[in-house]
Structures are given as C-alpha cells and as structure tokens.
Amino acid sequence: MGTFVNQALGVLGLKLSRTAAANAAGLYSTLFNNGRVTELDGLVACARGIPGMLSEESGKFLFALCHMQQLEGDVVEIGSWQGYSTSYLARAVAESGRGRMYAIDHFGGNVGKQALYRVKEPDLSDLERNFRNNMSRLGLDSVVRLLPVSSEEAAAQLRRESARIRFLFIDGDHSRQGVQRDVDLFFPLLRTGAIVVFDDCSPSAPGVIEVIDELLDRNVFDRAFAYPNSFVATVGRELG
C-alpha cells in the first residue's frame, strides 16, 4: 500500500508540476504579447536588418536606460548613420511617452573616414534615404524627428523648439574638437538629472576620453559609470 501511495503521489506531483509549467508558459506568453512588457530580444530582431556599429547588447542597454528614466524631456542622438541605435532609443520614447526623439546626422561621415560609412553609394548619397526607409519599416518614422544637418544647425533648431534634453547620446565626430563642439552645443540644453551617454569611450578614440576627463574635473556629472565602449553619467546641475 505504501509503495502504491508513493507512486500515486509521484504521478500526481508530476502532473501538478507539468500543469504549473504550462500555466507559467501561458502567463509568460500573455505578459509579453499584450503590449505591457517589452521583450528586449524582440527589439534586437527588429533592428538586426539595419547596418550599425553598435553591439546588440549596447542597443538593449540604451533602450533600458532611456525607457526606465523617470525624467521628462526630449531624447537626442548625435550620429545616427543608418538608424540602428536610433531604433532602440525611438522605441523607448514611443513606449515611455516621454518627450520627442531627435536624430542628428549630416550623413557625410567623419572627415577622413568616409569609407567607413559607405553602404552602397561611394558618395554616401544613399545614407539619408536608407535611414528614413529603416525608420518607416519599423513604424518609427512618426516618432523620430530627423535633422540631417550639422551639429551647429541642429542645436539652433532645438533651441528654437525650446527642447529640454533628458537623454543625450553622443556618437558623432570622435575627434577631441568634434566631441567638445557637441558638448558645448548640447549640454546647455540638458535638464538637471539628464543622462548622457558617450559612445566609443575607448583608447581608439582618445578625443572622447579627453573631453570626458575634463568634464569630470569640472564636476559636471553627479554619477557616472563605464560600460563596454561607453561612458554613462547623470548631469547634476543646469549648464545653460
């Protein structure tokens, strides 16, 4: 009798375990298919067809930072190329409902390194068209405000539109002069508590590191940490 009871309980336990697993699978499917929860791997799959210089993990990291941010304000990306990183940030803006999304790129590549930005056309004339098509394909064309101009012209436009930046992603000209120019132009538009991400913070881009070092010396940042090839910080005070 004891053996039979144990066997019966064992079978019952197995059935209960399978039932619990099935219920969990159903709940998981419900959670991730009703629009309440974003599955990051889904964002990766959508962005995979876009040429980019950012890793998938860094893309998910950008989305998470921007999406979970509580501060109100606009999101600005300097250096968008074909829209890979833009897709993550734009999705964060769309799903959080916080602010406008500006993508800034003159689509001419960095001076002396234009070949790195070529997709098909040697003169890079297809880059802006490709970007717009990529955003349209992902359903993000109504979210992203593209400014296909220089940093100077873009900053002037943002001032005219009274933009207040809560999240700034700097991935444009990596020379010291270029990074400093973007800091000088866009930092005055940052809100207190804004998140700033510098891409390519590595020995291969000494200009990025030099500018960050100077900002740290000036105590511009409230908190900061390093992520592979990136520097992330919050701005502790108004700079405008």
C-alpha atoms as a PDB file:
ATOM      1  CA  MET A   1       0.000   0.000   0.000  1.00  0.00           C
ATOM      2  CA  GLY A   2       2.773   2.396   0.929  1.00  0.00           C
ATOM      3  CA  THR A   3       4.522   1.858  -2.392  1.00  0.00           C
ATOM      4  CA  PHE A   4       1.281   2.422  -4.312  1.00  0.00           C
ATOM      5  CA  VAL A   5       0.567   5.629  -2.415  1.00  0.00           C
ATOM      6  CA  ASN A   6       4.067   6.906  -3.070  1.00  0.00           C
ATOM      7  CA  GLN A   7       3.736   6.097  -6.764  1.00  0.00           C
ATOM      8  CA  ALA A   8       0.357   7.809  -6.913  1.00  0.00           C
ATOM      9  CA  LEU A   9       1.692  10.872  -5.181  1.00  0.00           C
ATOM     10  CA  GLY A  10       4.670  10.870  -7.511  1.00  0.00           C
ATOM     11  CA  VAL A  11       2.431  10.814 -10.579  1.00  0.00           C
ATOM     12  CA  LEU A  12       0.225  13.492  -9.058  1.00  0.00           C
ATOM     13  CA  GLY A  13       3.254  15.624  -8.293  1.00  0.00           C
ATOM     14  CA  LEU A  14       4.491  15.222 -11.870  1.00  0.00           C
ATOM     15  CA  LYS A  15       1.086  16.241 -13.213  1.00  0.00           C
ATOM     16  CA  LEU A  16       0.945  19.233 -10.902  1.00  0.00           C
ATOM     17  CA  SER A  17       4.457  20.214 -11.971  1.00  0.00           C
ATOM     18  CA  ARG A  18       3.515  19.951 -15.633  1.00  0.00           C
ATOM     19  CA  THR A  19       0.319  21.920 -15.029  1.00  0.00           C
ATOM     20  CA  ALA A  20       2.250  24.630 -13.199  1.00  0.00           C
ATOM     21  CA  ALA A  21       4.785  24.775 -16.034  1.00  0.00           C
ATOM     22  CA  ALA A  22       2.005  25.042 -18.616  1.00  0.00           C
ATOM     23  CA  ASN A  23       0.307  27.795 -16.624  1.00  0.00           C
ATOM     24  CA  ALA A  24       3.607  29.657 -16.317  1.00  0.00           C
ATOM     25  CA  ALA A  25       4.196  29.349 -20.058  1.00  0.00           C
ATOM     26  CA  GLY A  26       0.728  30.730 -20.734  1.00  0.00           C
ATOM     27  CA  LEU A  27       1.246  33.599 -18.334  1.00  0.00           C
ATOM     28  CA  TYR A  28       4.650  34.337 -19.894  1.00  0.00           C
ATOM     29  CA  SER A  29       3.075  34.466 -23.337  1.00  0.00           C
ATOM     30  CA  THR A  30       0.342  36.780 -22.059  1.00  0.00           C
ATOM     31  CA  LEU A  31       2.817  39.107 -20.376  1.00  0.00           C
ATOM     32  CA  PHE A  32       4.967  39.540 -23.456  1.00  0.00           C
ATOM     33  CA  ASN A  33       2.256  39.711 -26.084  1.00  0.00           C
ATOM     34  CA  ASN A  34      -0.185  42.248 -24.715  1.00  0.00           C
ATOM     35  CA  GLY A  35       1.985  45.345 -25.011  1.00  0.00           C
ATOM     36  CA  ARG A  36       2.507  45.795 -21.272  1.00  0.00           C
ATOM     37  CA  VAL A  37       6.027  44.378 -21.203  1.00  0.00           C
ATOM     38  CA  THR A  38       8.791  44.935 -23.755  1.00  0.00           C
ATOM     39  CA  GLU A  39      10.898  41.929 -24.652  1.00  0.00           C
ATOM     40  CA  LEU A  40      14.361  43.234 -25.489  1.00  0.00           C
ATOM     41  CA  ASP A  41      15.222  40.369 -27.810  1.00  0.00           C
ATOM     42  CA  GLY A  42      12.278  41.445 -29.938  1.00  0.00           C
ATOM     43  CA  LEU A  43      13.858  44.872 -30.359  1.00  0.00           C
ATOM     44  CA  VAL A  44      17.098  43.206 -31.404  1.00  0.00           C
ATOM     45  CA  ALA A  45      15.292  41.147 -34.039  1.00  0.00           C
ATOM     46  CA  CYS A  46      13.679  44.278 -35.480  1.00  0.00           C
ATOM     47  CA  ALA A  47      16.963  46.185 -35.616  1.00  0.00           C
ATOM     48  CA  ARG A  48      19.026  43.321 -36.993  1.00  0.00           C
ATOM     49  CA  GLY A  49      18.485  44.277 -40.625  1.00  0.00           C
ATOM     50  CA  ILE A  50      19.937  47.767 -40.097  1.00  0.00           C
ATOM     51  CA  PRO A  51      23.679  48.340 -40.574  1.00  0.00           C
ATOM     52  CA  GLY A  52      25.200  49.581 -37.344  1.00  0.00           C
ATOM     53  CA  MET A  53      28.398  49.943 -35.355  1.00  0.00           C
ATOM     54  CA  LEU A  54      26.744  49.211 -32.016  1.00  0.00           C
ATOM     55  CA  SER A  55      26.510  45.756 -30.453  1.00  0.00           C
ATOM     56  CA  GLU A  56      23.137  44.172 -29.731  1.00  0.00           C
ATOM     57  CA  GLU A  57      23.857  44.285 -26.010  1.00  0.00           C
ATOM     58  CA  SER A  58      24.656  48.002 -26.210  1.00  0.00           C
ATOM     59  CA  GLY A  59      21.427  48.579 -28.123  1.00  0.00           C
ATOM     60  CA  LYS A  60      19.389  46.871 -25.413  1.00  0.00           C
ATOM     61  CA  PHE A  61      21.327  48.806 -22.795  1.00  0.00           C
ATOM     62  CA  LEU A  62      20.446  52.129 -24.477  1.00  0.00           C
ATOM     63  CA  PHE A  63      16.776  51.186 -24.603  1.00  0.00           C
ATOM     64  CA  ALA A  64      16.735  50.189 -20.936  1.00  0.00           C
ATOM     65  CA  LEU A  65      18.414  53.405 -19.775  1.00  0.00           C
ATOM     66  CA  CYS A  66      16.100  55.614 -21.799  1.00  0.00           C
ATOM     67  CA  HIS A  67      12.905  53.633 -21.238  1.00  0.00           C
ATOM     68  CA  MET A  68      13.208  53.395 -17.450  1.00  0.00           C
ATOM     69  CA  GLN A  69      14.187  57.049 -16.985  1.00  0.00           C
ATOM     70  CA  GLN A  70      11.581  58.987 -14.995  1.00  0.00           C
ATOM     71  CA  LEU A  71      12.697  62.482 -16.018  1.00  0.00           C
ATOM     72  CA  GLU A  72      10.513  64.337 -18.509  1.00  0.00           C
ATOM     73  CA  GLY A  73      12.137  65.810 -21.589  1.00  0.00           C
ATOM     74  CA  ASP A  74      13.467  65.073 -25.065  1.00  0.00           C
ATOM     75  CA  VAL A  75      15.882  62.445 -26.375  1.00  0.00           C
ATOM     76  CA  VAL A  76      18.709  63.480 -28.702  1.00  0.00           C
ATOM     77  CA  GLU A  77      21.075  61.276 -30.666  1.00  0.00           C
ATOM     78  CA  ILE A  78      24.124  62.811 -32.342  1.00  0.00           C
ATOM     79  CA  GLY A  79      25.334  60.487 -35.082  1.00  0.00           C
ATOM     80  CA  SER A  80      22.619  58.163 -36.355  1.00  0.00           C
ATOM     81  CA  TRP A  81      24.057  56.739 -39.595  1.00  0.00           C
ATOM     82  CA  GLN A  82      21.517  54.105 -40.722  1.00  0.00           C
ATOM     83  CA  GLY A  83      19.366  54.169 -37.598  1.00  0.00           C
ATOM     84  CA  TYR A  84      20.449  51.078 -35.666  1.00  0.00           C
ATOM     85  CA  SER A  85      20.886  52.808 -32.311  1.00  0.00           C
ATOM     86  CA  THR A  86      18.058  55.181 -33.233  1.00  0.00           C
ATOM     87  CA  SER A  87      15.635  52.268 -33.366  1.00  0.00           C
ATOM     88  CA  TYR A  88      16.287  51.396 -29.711  1.00  0.00           C
ATOM     89  CA  LEU A  89      16.023  54.980 -28.483  1.00  0.00           C
ATOM     90  CA  ALA A  90      12.949  55.754 -30.575  1.00  0.00           C
ATOM     91  CA  ARG A  91      11.202  52.667 -29.261  1.00  0.00           C
ATOM     92  CA  ALA A  92      11.993  53.800 -25.712  1.00  0.00           C
ATOM     93  CA  VAL A  93      10.469  57.206 -26.447  1.00  0.00           C
ATOM     94  CA  ALA A  94       7.385  55.675 -28.058  1.00  0.00           C
ATOM     95  CA  GLU A  95       6.743  53.245 -25.221  1.00  0.00           C
ATOM     96  CA  SER A  96       7.508  55.636 -22.366  1.00  0.00           C
ATOM     97  CA  GLY A  97       5.560  58.505 -23.914  1.00  0.00           C
ATOM     98  CA  ARG A  98       8.169  60.965 -22.670  1.00  0.00           C
ATOM     99  CA  GLY A  99       9.323  63.766 -24.956  1.00  0.00           C
ATOM    100  CA  ARG A 100      10.419  63.976 -28.559  1.00  0.00           C
ATOM    101  CA  MET A 101      13.113  61.968 -30.335  1.00  0.00           C
ATOM    102  CA  TYR A 102      15.678  63.889 -32.388  1.00  0.00           C
ATOM    103  CA  ALA A 103      18.184  62.086 -34.624  1.00  0.00           C
ATOM    104  CA  ILE A 104      21.031  64.294 -35.843  1.00  0.00           C
ATOM    105  CA  ASP A 105      23.313  63.331 -38.725  1.00  0.00           C
ATOM    106  CA  HIS A 106      24.627  65.220 -41.750  1.00  0.00           C
ATOM    107  CA  PHE A 107      25.212  61.840 -43.472  1.00  0.00           C
ATOM    108  CA  GLY A 108      28.640  62.865 -44.702  1.00  0.00           C
ATOM    109  CA  GLY A 109      30.660  60.617 -42.409  1.00  0.00           C
ATOM    110  CA  ASN A 110      33.573  61.775 -40.297  1.00  0.00           C
ATOM    111  CA  VAL A 111      36.301  63.672 -42.133  1.00  0.00           C
ATOM    112  CA  GLY A 112      38.931  61.292 -43.475  1.00  0.00           C
ATOM    113  CA  LYS A 113      36.853  58.233 -42.565  1.00  0.00           C
ATOM    114  CA  GLN A 114      34.027  58.484 -45.066  1.00  0.00           C
ATOM    115  CA  ALA A 115      34.701  54.980 -46.399  1.00  0.00           C
ATOM    116  CA  LEU A 116      33.629  53.500 -43.054  1.00  0.00           C
ATOM    117  CA  TYR A 117      30.120  54.872 -43.567  1.00  0.00           C
ATOM    118  CA  ARG A 118      29.575  53.625 -47.102  1.00  0.00           C
ATOM    119  CA  VAL A 119      26.643  51.256 -47.614  1.00  0.00           C
ATOM    120  CA  LYS A 120      26.283  51.208 -51.396  1.00  0.00           C
ATOM    121  CA  GLU A 121      26.915  54.604 -52.953  1.00  0.00           C
ATOM    122  CA  PRO A 122      30.574  55.760 -52.823  1.00  0.00           C
ATOM    123  CA  ASP A 123      29.475  59.370 -52.283  1.00  0.00           C
ATOM    124  CA  LEU A 124      27.216  58.359 -49.357  1.00  0.00           C
ATOM    125  CA  SER A 125      24.239  59.870 -51.171  1.00  0.00           C
ATOM    126  CA  ASP A 126      22.010  56.951 -50.173  1.00  0.00           C
ATOM    127  CA  LEU A 127      22.529  57.227 -46.406  1.00  0.00           C
ATOM    128  CA  GLU A 128      19.709  59.623 -45.567  1.00  0.00           C
ATOM    129  CA  ARG A 129      17.259  57.748 -47.774  1.00  0.00           C
ATOM    130  CA  ASN A 130      18.266  54.453 -46.147  1.00  0.00           C
ATOM    131  CA  PHE A 131      17.769  55.933 -42.683  1.00  0.00           C
ATOM    132  CA  ARG A 132      14.280  57.164 -43.492  1.00  0.00           C
ATOM    133  CA  ASN A 133      13.346  53.816 -45.047  1.00  0.00           C
ATOM    134  CA  ASN A 134      14.605  51.941 -41.987  1.00  0.00           C
ATOM    135  CA  MET A 135      12.559  54.081 -39.630  1.00  0.00           C
ATOM    136  CA  SER A 136       9.480  53.692 -41.834  1.00  0.00           C
ATOM    137  CA  ARG A 137       9.888  49.909 -41.985  1.00  0.00           C
ATOM    138  CA  LEU A 138       9.964  49.754 -38.179  1.00  0.00           C
ATOM    139  CA  GLY A 139       6.980  52.074 -37.844  1.00  0.00           C
ATOM    140  CA  LEU A 140       9.120  54.717 -36.146  1.00  0.00           C
ATOM    141  CA  ASP A 141       9.048  57.444 -38.791  1.00  0.00           C
ATOM    142  CA  SER A 142       6.361  59.319 -36.866  1.00  0.00           C
ATOM    143  CA  VAL A 143       8.436  59.115 -33.680  1.00  0.00           C
ATOM    144  CA  VAL A 144      11.833  60.202 -34.996  1.00  0.00           C
ATOM    145  CA  ARG A 145      12.459  63.821 -35.933  1.00  0.00           C
ATOM    146  CA  LEU A 146      15.446  63.629 -38.290  1.00  0.00           C
ATOM    147  CA  LEU A 147      17.701  66.677 -38.516  1.00  0.00           C
ATOM    148  CA  PRO A 148      20.048  65.959 -41.470  1.00  0.00           C
ATOM    149  CA  VAL A 149      22.294  68.914 -40.718  1.00  0.00           C
ATOM    150  CA  SER A 150      25.441  69.823 -38.803  1.00  0.00           C
ATOM    151  CA  SER A 151      25.563  69.873 -35.011  1.00  0.00           C
ATOM    152  CA  GLU A 152      25.549  73.665 -35.057  1.00  0.00           C
ATOM    153  CA  GLU A 153      22.395  73.846 -37.166  1.00  0.00           C
ATOM    154  CA  ALA A 154      20.706  71.096 -35.158  1.00  0.00           C
ATOM    155  CA  ALA A 155      21.405  72.779 -31.820  1.00  0.00           C
ATOM    156  CA  ALA A 156      19.994  76.037 -33.167  1.00  0.00           C
ATOM    157  CA  GLN A 157      16.834  74.209 -34.267  1.00  0.00           C
ATOM    158  CA  LEU A 158      16.450  72.574 -30.853  1.00  0.00           C
ATOM    159  CA  ARG A 159      16.729  75.980 -29.185  1.00  0.00           C
ATOM    160  CA  ARG A 160      14.044  77.368 -31.490  1.00  0.00           C
ATOM    161  CA  GLU A 161      11.796  74.472 -30.471  1.00  0.00           C
ATOM    162  CA  SER A 162      12.557  75.008 -26.767  1.00  0.00           C
ATOM    163  CA  ALA A 163      13.877  71.473 -26.439  1.00  0.00           C
ATOM    164  CA  ARG A 164      14.919  70.299 -22.986  1.00  0.00           C
ATOM    165  CA  ILE A 165      17.040  67.173 -23.185  1.00  0.00           C
ATOM    166  CA  ARG A 166      16.591  64.334 -20.705  1.00  0.00           C
ATOM    167  CA  PHE A 167      18.746  61.804 -22.609  1.00  0.00           C
ATOM    168  CA  LEU A 168      21.721  62.636 -24.849  1.00  0.00           C
ATOM    169  CA  PHE A 169      23.585  60.003 -26.875  1.00  0.00           C
ATOM    170  CA  ILE A 170      26.831  61.347 -28.357  1.00  0.00           C
ATOM    171  CA  ASP A 171      28.166  59.239 -31.225  1.00  0.00           C
ATOM    172  CA  GLY A 172      29.209  61.776 -33.836  1.00  0.00           C
ATOM    173  CA  ASP A 173      32.644  63.185 -34.606  1.00  0.00           C
ATOM    174  CA  HIS A 174      35.027  61.381 -32.232  1.00  0.00           C
ATOM    175  CA  SER A 175      37.879  63.866 -32.552  1.00  0.00           C
ATOM    176  CA  ARG A 176      38.566  65.979 -29.487  1.00  0.00           C
ATOM    177  CA  GLN A 177      37.379  69.070 -31.309  1.00  0.00           C
ATOM    178  CA  GLY A 178      34.232  67.313 -32.518  1.00  0.00           C
ATOM    179  CA  VAL A 179      33.268  65.916 -29.120  1.00  0.00           C
ATOM    180  CA  GLN A 180      33.947  69.241 -27.425  1.00  0.00           C
ATOM    181  CA  ARG A 181      31.810  71.019 -30.006  1.00  0.00           C
ATOM    182  CA  ASP A 182      28.869  68.702 -29.298  1.00  0.00           C
ATOM    183  CA  VAL A 183      29.293  69.186 -25.548  1.00  0.00           C
ATOM    184  CA  ASP A 184      29.372  72.972 -25.925  1.00  0.00           C
ATOM    185  CA  LEU A 185      26.311  72.975 -28.177  1.00  0.00           C
ATOM    186  CA  PHE A 186      24.026  70.490 -26.446  1.00  0.00           C
ATOM    187  CA  PHE A 187      24.956  70.451 -22.760  1.00  0.00           C
ATOM    188  CA  PRO A 188      23.265  73.845 -22.179  1.00  0.00           C
ATOM    189  CA  LEU A 189      20.000  72.167 -23.260  1.00  0.00           C
ATOM    190  CA  LEU A 190      20.258  69.367 -20.684  1.00  0.00           C
ATOM    191  CA  ARG A 191      17.842  69.154 -17.806  1.00  0.00           C
ATOM    192  CA  THR A 192      19.208  68.611 -14.308  1.00  0.00           C
ATOM    193  CA  GLY A 193      19.374  64.859 -13.866  1.00  0.00           C
ATOM    194  CA  ALA A 194      19.701  64.176 -17.598  1.00  0.00           C
ATOM    195  CA  ILE A 195      21.525  61.044 -18.720  1.00  0.00           C
ATOM    196  CA  VAL A 196      24.451  61.450 -21.105  1.00  0.00           C
ATOM    197  CA  VAL A 197      25.998  58.511 -22.959  1.00  0.00           C
ATOM    198  CA  PHE A 198      29.288  58.859 -24.829  1.00  0.00           C
ATOM    199  CA  ASP A 199      29.828  56.038 -27.319  1.00  0.00           C
ATOM    200  CA  ASP A 200      33.307  54.781 -28.272  1.00  0.00           C
ATOM    201  CA  CYS A 201      34.860  55.683 -24.948  1.00  0.00           C
ATOM    202  CA  SER A 202      37.999  53.642 -25.572  1.00  0.00           C
ATOM    203  CA  PRO A 203      41.713  54.082 -26.366  1.00  0.00           C
ATOM    204  CA  SER A 204      40.811  54.007 -30.066  1.00  0.00           C
ATOM    205  CA  ALA A 205      39.016  57.357 -29.604  1.00  0.00           C
ATOM    206  CA  PRO A 206      41.294  59.441 -27.361  1.00  0.00           C
ATOM    207  CA  GLY A 207      39.337  62.611 -28.084  1.00  0.00           C
ATOM    208  CA  VAL A 208      36.283  61.171 -26.365  1.00  0.00           C
ATOM    209  CA  ILE A 209      38.292  60.248 -23.281  1.00  0.00           C
ATOM    210  CA  GLU A 210      39.979  63.649 -23.087  1.00  0.00           C
ATOM    211  CA  VAL A 211      36.679  65.529 -23.117  1.00  0.00           C
ATOM    212  CA  ILE A 212      35.154  63.221 -20.501  1.00  0.00           C
ATOM    213  CA  ASP A 213      38.204  63.673 -18.281  1.00  0.00           C
ATOM    214  CA  GLU A 214      37.822  67.439 -18.441  1.00  0.00           C
ATOM    215  CA  LEU A 215      34.110  67.226 -17.607  1.00  0.00           C
ATOM    216  CA  LEU A 216      34.903  65.049 -14.597  1.00  0.00           C
ATOM    217  CA  ASP A 217      37.447  67.624 -13.418  1.00  0.00           C
ATOM    218  CA  ARG A 218      34.749  70.293 -13.650  1.00  0.00           C
ATOM    219  CA  ASN A 219      32.342  68.190 -11.543  1.00  0.00           C
ATOM    220  CA  VAL A 220      29.678  68.388 -14.229  1.00  0.00           C
ATOM    221  CA  PHE A 221      28.431  64.878 -13.520  1.00  0.00           C
ATOM    222  CA  ASP A 222      26.504  63.730 -10.489  1.00  0.00           C
ATOM    223  CA  ARG A 223      27.045  59.995 -11.023  1.00  0.00           C
ATOM    224  CA  ALA A 224      28.951  58.068 -13.674  1.00  0.00           C
ATOM    225  CA  PHE A 225      29.926  54.569 -14.700  1.00  0.00           C
ATOM    226  CA  ALA A 226      31.656  52.806 -17.576  1.00  0.00           C
ATOM    227  CA  TYR A 227      30.071  50.225 -19.842  1.00  0.00           C
ATOM    228  CA  PRO A 228      31.981  48.414 -22.644  1.00  0.00           C
ATOM    229  CA  ASN A 229      32.991  51.191 -25.078  1.00  0.00           C
ATOM    230  CA  SER A 230      30.633  53.629 -23.366  1.00  0.00           C
ATOM    231  CA  PHE A 231      30.637  56.229 -20.607  1.00  0.00           C
ATOM    232  CA  VAL A 232      27.333  56.952 -18.859  1.00  0.00           C
ATOM    233  CA  ALA A 233      26.644  59.838 -16.487  1.00  0.00           C
ATOM    234  CA  THR A 234      23.912  61.965 -14.998  1.00  0.00           C
ATOM    235  CA  VAL A 235      24.217  65.737 -15.017  1.00  0.00           C
ATOM    236  CA  GLY A 236      23.922  67.220 -11.555  1.00  0.00           C
ATOM    237  CA  ARG A 237      23.188  70.845 -12.398  1.00  0.00           C
ATOM    238  CA  GLU A 238      21.865  73.212 -15.051  1.00  0.00           C
ATOM    239  CA  LEU A 239      24.572  74.152 -17.553  1.00  0.00           C
ATOM    240  CA  GLY A 240      22.705  76.654 -19.692  1.00  0.00           C
END
